[in-house]
Amino acid sequence: MIKMKKSEKRKLVAKWKELKIMSKNHDVSEKLKEVEHRYYHETGTRLEEVLDGKGLHDLYRHTTKLIK
């Protein structure tokens, strides 16, 4: 099984955040589900858990020091 690169994870998280913002005005639920499913399939963790702050440090530790 090939592991997903950190840059690919970041892109998925960024796309998910963008879709979440768009979802306020448009119906993008199918796309959100696809991104969430792909992230879960590749990593074994749910995006919501990562965005709660439990896994953001590992994902972005080289880009910012503010996220812990």
C-alpha atoms as a PDB file:
ATOM      1  CA  MET A   1       0.000   0.000   0.000  1.00  0.00           C
ATOM      2  CA  ILE A   2       1.413   3.371  -1.014  1.00  0.00           C
ATOM      3  CA  LYS A   3       1.273   6.065   1.649  1.00  0.00           C
ATOM      4  CA  MET A   4       0.023   9.501   0.786  1.00  0.00           C
ATOM      5  CA  LYS A   5       2.620  12.272   0.785  1.00  0.00           C
ATOM      6  CA  LYS A   6       2.257  15.095   3.296  1.00  0.00           C
ATOM      7  CA  SER A   7       1.858  17.581   0.451  1.00  0.00           C
ATOM      8  CA  GLU A   8      -1.041  15.529  -0.905  1.00  0.00           C
ATOM      9  CA  LYS A   9      -2.637  15.484   2.553  1.00  0.00           C
ATOM     10  CA  ARG A  10      -2.288  19.252   2.777  1.00  0.00           C
ATOM     11  CA  LYS A  11      -3.939  19.649  -0.623  1.00  0.00           C
ATOM     12  CA  LEU A  12      -6.866  17.469   0.466  1.00  0.00           C
ATOM     13  CA  VAL A  13      -7.274  19.451   3.695  1.00  0.00           C
ATOM     14  CA  ALA A  14      -7.134  22.736   1.753  1.00  0.00           C
ATOM     15  CA  LYS A  15      -9.698  21.469  -0.749  1.00  0.00           C
ATOM     16  CA  TRP A  16     -11.941  20.285   2.099  1.00  0.00           C
ATOM     17  CA  LYS A  17     -11.746  23.697   3.811  1.00  0.00           C
ATOM     18  CA  GLU A  18     -12.521  25.455   0.530  1.00  0.00           C
ATOM     19  CA  LEU A  19     -15.522  23.198  -0.073  1.00  0.00           C
ATOM     20  CA  LYS A  20     -16.747  23.800   3.494  1.00  0.00           C
ATOM     21  CA  ILE A  21     -16.717  27.540   2.829  1.00  0.00           C
ATOM     22  CA  MET A  22     -18.477  27.051  -0.524  1.00  0.00           C
ATOM     23  CA  SER A  23     -21.087  24.812   1.100  1.00  0.00           C
ATOM     24  CA  LYS A  24     -22.685  27.813   2.772  1.00  0.00           C
ATOM     25  CA  ASN A  25     -23.893  29.054  -0.620  1.00  0.00           C
ATOM     26  CA  HIS A  26     -23.777  25.954  -2.844  1.00  0.00           C
ATOM     27  CA  ASP A  27     -24.541  22.264  -2.570  1.00  0.00           C
ATOM     28  CA  VAL A  28     -21.145  20.563  -2.594  1.00  0.00           C
ATOM     29  CA  SER A  29     -21.970  17.728  -0.213  1.00  0.00           C
ATOM     30  CA  GLU A  30     -20.996  15.013  -2.713  1.00  0.00           C
ATOM     31  CA  LYS A  31     -17.571  16.563  -3.267  1.00  0.00           C
ATOM     32  CA  LEU A  32     -17.075  16.929   0.483  1.00  0.00           C
ATOM     33  CA  LYS A  33     -17.920  13.275   0.994  1.00  0.00           C
ATOM     34  CA  GLU A  34     -15.454  12.263  -1.725  1.00  0.00           C
ATOM     35  CA  VAL A  35     -12.635  14.253  -0.127  1.00  0.00           C
ATOM     36  CA  GLU A  36     -13.464  12.931   3.346  1.00  0.00           C
ATOM     37  CA  HIS A  37     -13.634   9.357   2.040  1.00  0.00           C
ATOM     38  CA  ARG A  38     -10.328   9.649   0.201  1.00  0.00           C
ATOM     39  CA  TYR A  39      -8.598  11.125   3.254  1.00  0.00           C
ATOM     40  CA  TYR A  40      -9.996   8.399   5.499  1.00  0.00           C
ATOM     41  CA  HIS A  41      -9.055   5.676   3.030  1.00  0.00           C
ATOM     42  CA  GLU A  42      -5.478   6.959   2.731  1.00  0.00           C
ATOM     43  CA  THR A  43      -4.781   7.813   6.377  1.00  0.00           C
ATOM     44  CA  GLY A  44      -7.223   5.850   8.508  1.00  0.00           C
ATOM     45  CA  THR A  45      -8.302   8.986  10.383  1.00  0.00           C
ATOM     46  CA  ARG A  46     -11.273  11.254   9.829  1.00  0.00           C
ATOM     47  CA  LEU A  47     -10.737  14.815   8.621  1.00  0.00           C
ATOM     48  CA  GLU A  48     -12.835  16.205  11.462  1.00  0.00           C
ATOM     49  CA  GLU A  49     -10.488  14.588  13.985  1.00  0.00           C
ATOM     50  CA  VAL A  50      -7.475  16.111  12.262  1.00  0.00           C
ATOM     51  CA  LEU A  51      -9.050  19.548  12.101  1.00  0.00           C
ATOM     52  CA  ASP A  52      -9.915  19.459  15.805  1.00  0.00           C
ATOM     53  CA  GLY A  53      -6.218  20.057  16.354  1.00  0.00           C
ATOM     54  CA  LYS A  54      -5.180  16.510  17.154  1.00  0.00           C
ATOM     55  CA  GLY A  55      -3.219  15.967  13.959  1.00  0.00           C
ATOM     56  CA  LEU A  56      -2.614  19.393  12.492  1.00  0.00           C
ATOM     57  CA  HIS A  57       0.773  19.747  14.119  1.00  0.00           C
ATOM     58  CA  ASP A  58       2.126  16.732  12.252  1.00  0.00           C
ATOM     59  CA  LEU A  59       0.613  17.858   8.982  1.00  0.00           C
ATOM     60  CA  TYR A  60       1.780  21.470   9.107  1.00  0.00           C
ATOM     61  CA  ARG A  61       4.751  21.382  11.469  1.00  0.00           C
ATOM     62  CA  HIS A  62       7.138  22.679   8.803  1.00  0.00           C
ATOM     63  CA  THR A  63       4.910  25.505   7.615  1.00  0.00           C
ATOM     64  CA  THR A  64       3.933  27.236  10.847  1.00  0.00           C
ATOM     65  CA  LYS A  65       4.760  27.208  14.517  1.00  0.00           C
ATOM     66  CA  LEU A  66       1.374  28.543  15.669  1.00  0.00           C
ATOM     67  CA  ILE A  67      -0.533  25.280  15.301  1.00  0.00           C
ATOM     68  CA  LYS A  68       0.086  22.833  18.142  1.00  0.00           C
END
